């Protein structure tokens, strides 16, 4: 924001300095932060099976994943039932609820028929 009522300073006035011809390049200014650092290392190659440190890390991660999978296996009948229920999709759950409701209606109809006779 500028000063609306003040006098313009002569330091920041772009027209107070001598100009340059159209099409000429602006004067070079040395900025140490603008320099690009040089990279001396080649880096690492992606992928492949080099057998170096990457394979050790990969095998360690695989072992850890296997241990987690073994620890999360369901135990007992309730564990198996819970795992089965978790694996069900929304459609499967709705079908089971629908079948239970149909059985309940059939039972009610049979009980009414028996009590009527």
C-alpha atoms as a PDB file:
ATOM      1  CA  UNK A   1       0.000   0.000   0.000  1.00  0.00           C
ATOM      2  CA  UNK A   2       1.265   3.453  -0.733  1.00  0.00           C
ATOM      3  CA  UNK A   3       0.928   6.740   0.958  1.00  0.00           C
ATOM      4  CA  UNK A   4      -2.021   8.469  -0.654  1.00  0.00           C
ATOM      5  CA  UNK A   5      -1.414  11.968   0.625  1.00  0.00           C
ATOM      6  CA  UNK A   6       2.391  12.017   0.819  1.00  0.00           C
ATOM      7  CA  UNK A   7       5.007  13.142  -1.644  1.00  0.00           C
ATOM      8  CA  UNK A   8       6.594  10.474  -3.871  1.00  0.00           C
ATOM      9  CA  UNK A   9      10.176   9.649  -2.987  1.00  0.00           C
ATOM     10  CA  UNK A  10      12.833  10.113  -5.641  1.00  0.00           C
ATOM     11  CA  UNK A  11      14.573   6.798  -4.712  1.00  0.00           C
ATOM     12  CA  UNK A  12      11.769   4.483  -5.838  1.00  0.00           C
ATOM     13  CA  UNK A  13      10.745   6.429  -8.900  1.00  0.00           C
ATOM     14  CA  UNK A  14      11.472   4.212 -11.932  1.00  0.00           C
ATOM     15  CA  UNK A  15      11.743   7.255 -14.208  1.00  0.00           C
ATOM     16  CA  UNK A  16      14.459   8.965 -12.149  1.00  0.00           C
ATOM     17  CA  UNK A  17      17.159   6.632 -13.532  1.00  0.00           C
ATOM     18  CA  UNK A  18      18.485   6.730 -17.081  1.00  0.00           C
ATOM     19  CA  UNK A  19      16.623   4.442 -19.428  1.00  0.00           C
ATOM     20  CA  UNK A  20      17.813   1.814 -21.906  1.00  0.00           C
ATOM     21  CA  UNK A  21      16.871   1.141 -25.509  1.00  0.00           C
ATOM     22  CA  UNK A  22      13.914  -1.099 -26.298  1.00  0.00           C
ATOM     23  CA  UNK A  23      14.950  -4.698 -26.920  1.00  0.00           C
ATOM     24  CA  UNK A  24      18.109  -4.619 -24.844  1.00  0.00           C
ATOM     25  CA  UNK A  25      18.499  -7.025 -21.959  1.00  0.00           C
ATOM     26  CA  UNK A  26      18.125  -5.802 -18.391  1.00  0.00           C
ATOM     27  CA  UNK A  27      21.337  -5.440 -16.399  1.00  0.00           C
ATOM     28  CA  UNK A  28      22.533  -8.682 -14.759  1.00  0.00           C
ATOM     29  CA  UNK A  29      22.228  -8.799 -11.011  1.00  0.00           C
ATOM     30  CA  UNK A  30      24.239 -11.244  -8.964  1.00  0.00           C
ATOM     31  CA  UNK A  31      22.001 -13.283  -6.673  1.00  0.00           C
ATOM     32  CA  UNK A  32      23.767 -16.087  -4.755  1.00  0.00           C
ATOM     33  CA  UNK A  33      20.467 -17.793  -3.900  1.00  0.00           C
ATOM     34  CA  UNK A  34      19.499 -18.108  -7.535  1.00  0.00           C
ATOM     35  CA  UNK A  35      22.460 -20.318  -8.411  1.00  0.00           C
ATOM     36  CA  UNK A  36      21.706 -23.973  -9.074  1.00  0.00           C
ATOM     37  CA  UNK A  37      23.609 -26.434  -6.880  1.00  0.00           C
ATOM     38  CA  UNK A  38      25.660 -29.066  -8.652  1.00  0.00           C
ATOM     39  CA  UNK A  39      24.880 -32.683  -7.869  1.00  0.00           C
ATOM     40  CA  UNK A  40      27.925 -34.888  -7.617  1.00  0.00           C
ATOM     41  CA  UNK A  41      26.367 -38.315  -6.955  1.00  0.00           C
ATOM     42  CA  UNK A  42      24.656 -40.452  -9.571  1.00  0.00           C
ATOM     43  CA  UNK A  43      21.805 -41.474  -7.264  1.00  0.00           C
ATOM     44  CA  UNK A  44      20.105 -44.846  -7.099  1.00  0.00           C
ATOM     45  CA  UNK A  45      18.422 -46.766  -9.860  1.00  0.00           C
ATOM     46  CA  UNK A  46      14.751 -47.561  -9.429  1.00  0.00           C
ATOM     47  CA  UNK A  47      13.465 -51.118  -9.637  1.00  0.00           C
ATOM     48  CA  UNK A  48      15.474 -54.133 -10.600  1.00  0.00           C
ATOM     49  CA  UNK A  49      16.921 -56.767  -8.307  1.00  0.00           C
ATOM     50  CA  UNK A  50      20.381 -55.564  -7.423  1.00  0.00           C
ATOM     51  CA  UNK A  51      20.729 -57.728  -4.304  1.00  0.00           C
ATOM     52  CA  UNK A  52      22.005 -54.791  -2.262  1.00  0.00           C
ATOM     53  CA  UNK A  53      20.430 -53.048   0.699  1.00  0.00           C
ATOM     54  CA  UNK A  54      17.073 -52.772  -1.086  1.00  0.00           C
ATOM     55  CA  UNK A  55      16.557 -56.539  -1.103  1.00  0.00           C
ATOM     56  CA  UNK A  56      17.217 -56.749   2.662  1.00  0.00           C
ATOM     57  CA  UNK A  57      14.630 -54.069   3.333  1.00  0.00           C
ATOM     58  CA  UNK A  58      12.182 -55.730   0.975  1.00  0.00           C
ATOM     59  CA  UNK A  59      12.541 -59.139   2.625  1.00  0.00           C
ATOM     60  CA  UNK A  60      12.250 -57.590   6.101  1.00  0.00           C
ATOM     61  CA  UNK A  61       9.033 -55.836   5.054  1.00  0.00           C
ATOM     62  CA  UNK A  62       7.678 -59.102   3.634  1.00  0.00           C
ATOM     63  CA  UNK A  63       8.464 -60.957   6.886  1.00  0.00           C
ATOM     64  CA  UNK A  64       6.766 -58.236   8.929  1.00  0.00           C
ATOM     65  CA  UNK A  65       3.669 -58.397   6.708  1.00  0.00           C
ATOM     66  CA  UNK A  66       3.489 -62.182   7.108  1.00  0.00           C
ATOM     67  CA  UNK A  67       3.751 -61.875  10.898  1.00  0.00           C
ATOM     68  CA  UNK A  68       0.939 -59.299  10.943  1.00  0.00           C
ATOM     69  CA  UNK A  69      -1.226 -61.560   8.791  1.00  0.00           C
ATOM     70  CA  UNK A  70      -0.649 -64.495  11.154  1.00  0.00           C
ATOM     71  CA  UNK A  71      -1.455 -62.359  14.197  1.00  0.00           C
ATOM     72  CA  UNK A  72      -4.733 -61.170  12.650  1.00  0.00           C
ATOM     73  CA  UNK A  73      -6.080 -64.618  11.841  1.00  0.00           C
ATOM     74  CA  UNK A  74      -9.431 -65.300  13.526  1.00  0.00           C
ATOM     75  CA  UNK A  75      -9.364 -67.549  16.589  1.00  0.00           C
ATOM     76  CA  UNK A  76     -12.185 -69.930  17.396  1.00  0.00           C
ATOM     77  CA  UNK A  77     -15.706 -70.133  16.056  1.00  0.00           C
ATOM     78  CA  UNK A  78     -16.648 -66.584  17.000  1.00  0.00           C
ATOM     79  CA  UNK A  79     -13.499 -65.223  15.335  1.00  0.00           C
ATOM     80  CA  UNK A  80     -14.287 -67.092  12.122  1.00  0.00           C
ATOM     81  CA  UNK A  81     -17.884 -65.865  12.195  1.00  0.00           C
ATOM     82  CA  UNK A  82     -16.734 -62.306  12.766  1.00  0.00           C
ATOM     83  CA  UNK A  83     -14.232 -62.506   9.893  1.00  0.00           C
ATOM     84  CA  UNK A  84     -16.948 -63.922   7.636  1.00  0.00           C
ATOM     85  CA  UNK A  85     -19.304 -61.104   8.604  1.00  0.00           C
ATOM     86  CA  UNK A  86     -16.644 -58.441   8.004  1.00  0.00           C
ATOM     87  CA  UNK A  87     -15.904 -59.874   4.560  1.00  0.00           C
ATOM     88  CA  UNK A  88     -19.549 -59.532   3.505  1.00  0.00           C
ATOM     89  CA  UNK A  89     -20.460 -56.747   1.136  1.00  0.00           C
ATOM     90  CA  UNK A  90     -23.408 -54.425   1.597  1.00  0.00           C
ATOM     91  CA  UNK A  91     -25.435 -56.410  -0.917  1.00  0.00           C
ATOM     92  CA  UNK A  92     -24.779 -59.668   0.932  1.00  0.00           C
ATOM     93  CA  UNK A  93     -25.799 -58.119   4.238  1.00  0.00           C
ATOM     94  CA  UNK A  94     -29.046 -56.784   2.758  1.00  0.00           C
ATOM     95  CA  UNK A  95     -29.832 -60.202   1.243  1.00  0.00           C
ATOM     96  CA  UNK A  96     -29.364 -61.893   4.621  1.00  0.00           C
ATOM     97  CA  UNK A  97     -31.651 -59.366   6.330  1.00  0.00           C
ATOM     98  CA  UNK A  98     -34.236 -59.859   3.592  1.00  0.00           C
ATOM     99  CA  UNK A  99     -34.140 -63.662   3.969  1.00  0.00           C
ATOM    100  CA  UNK A 100     -34.562 -63.362   7.749  1.00  0.00           C
ATOM    101  CA  UNK A 101     -37.569 -61.087   7.271  1.00  0.00           C
ATOM    102  CA  UNK A 102     -39.156 -63.558   4.799  1.00  0.00           C
ATOM    103  CA  UNK A 103     -38.683 -66.430   7.269  1.00  0.00           C
ATOM    104  CA  UNK A 104     -40.259 -64.344  10.042  1.00  0.00           C
ATOM    105  CA  UNK A 105     -43.293 -63.582   7.855  1.00  0.00           C
ATOM    106  CA  UNK A 106     -43.708 -67.238   6.881  1.00  0.00           C
ATOM    107  CA  UNK A 107     -43.546 -68.263  10.527  1.00  0.00           C
ATOM    108  CA  UNK A 108     -46.147 -65.645  11.451  1.00  0.00           C
ATOM    109  CA  UNK A 109     -48.444 -66.815   8.636  1.00  0.00           C
ATOM    110  CA  UNK A 110     -48.108 -70.459   9.733  1.00  0.00           C
ATOM    111  CA  UNK A 111     -48.818 -69.577  13.358  1.00  0.00           C
ATOM    112  CA  UNK A 112     -51.918 -67.603  12.315  1.00  0.00           C
ATOM    113  CA  UNK A 113     -53.114 -70.499  10.171  1.00  0.00           C
ATOM    114  CA  UNK A 114     -52.673 -72.939  13.069  1.00  0.00           C
ATOM    115  CA  UNK A 115     -54.449 -70.656  15.530  1.00  0.00           C
ATOM    116  CA  UNK A 116     -57.311 -70.075  13.086  1.00  0.00           C
ATOM    117  CA  UNK A 117     -58.084 -73.785  12.795  1.00  0.00           C
END
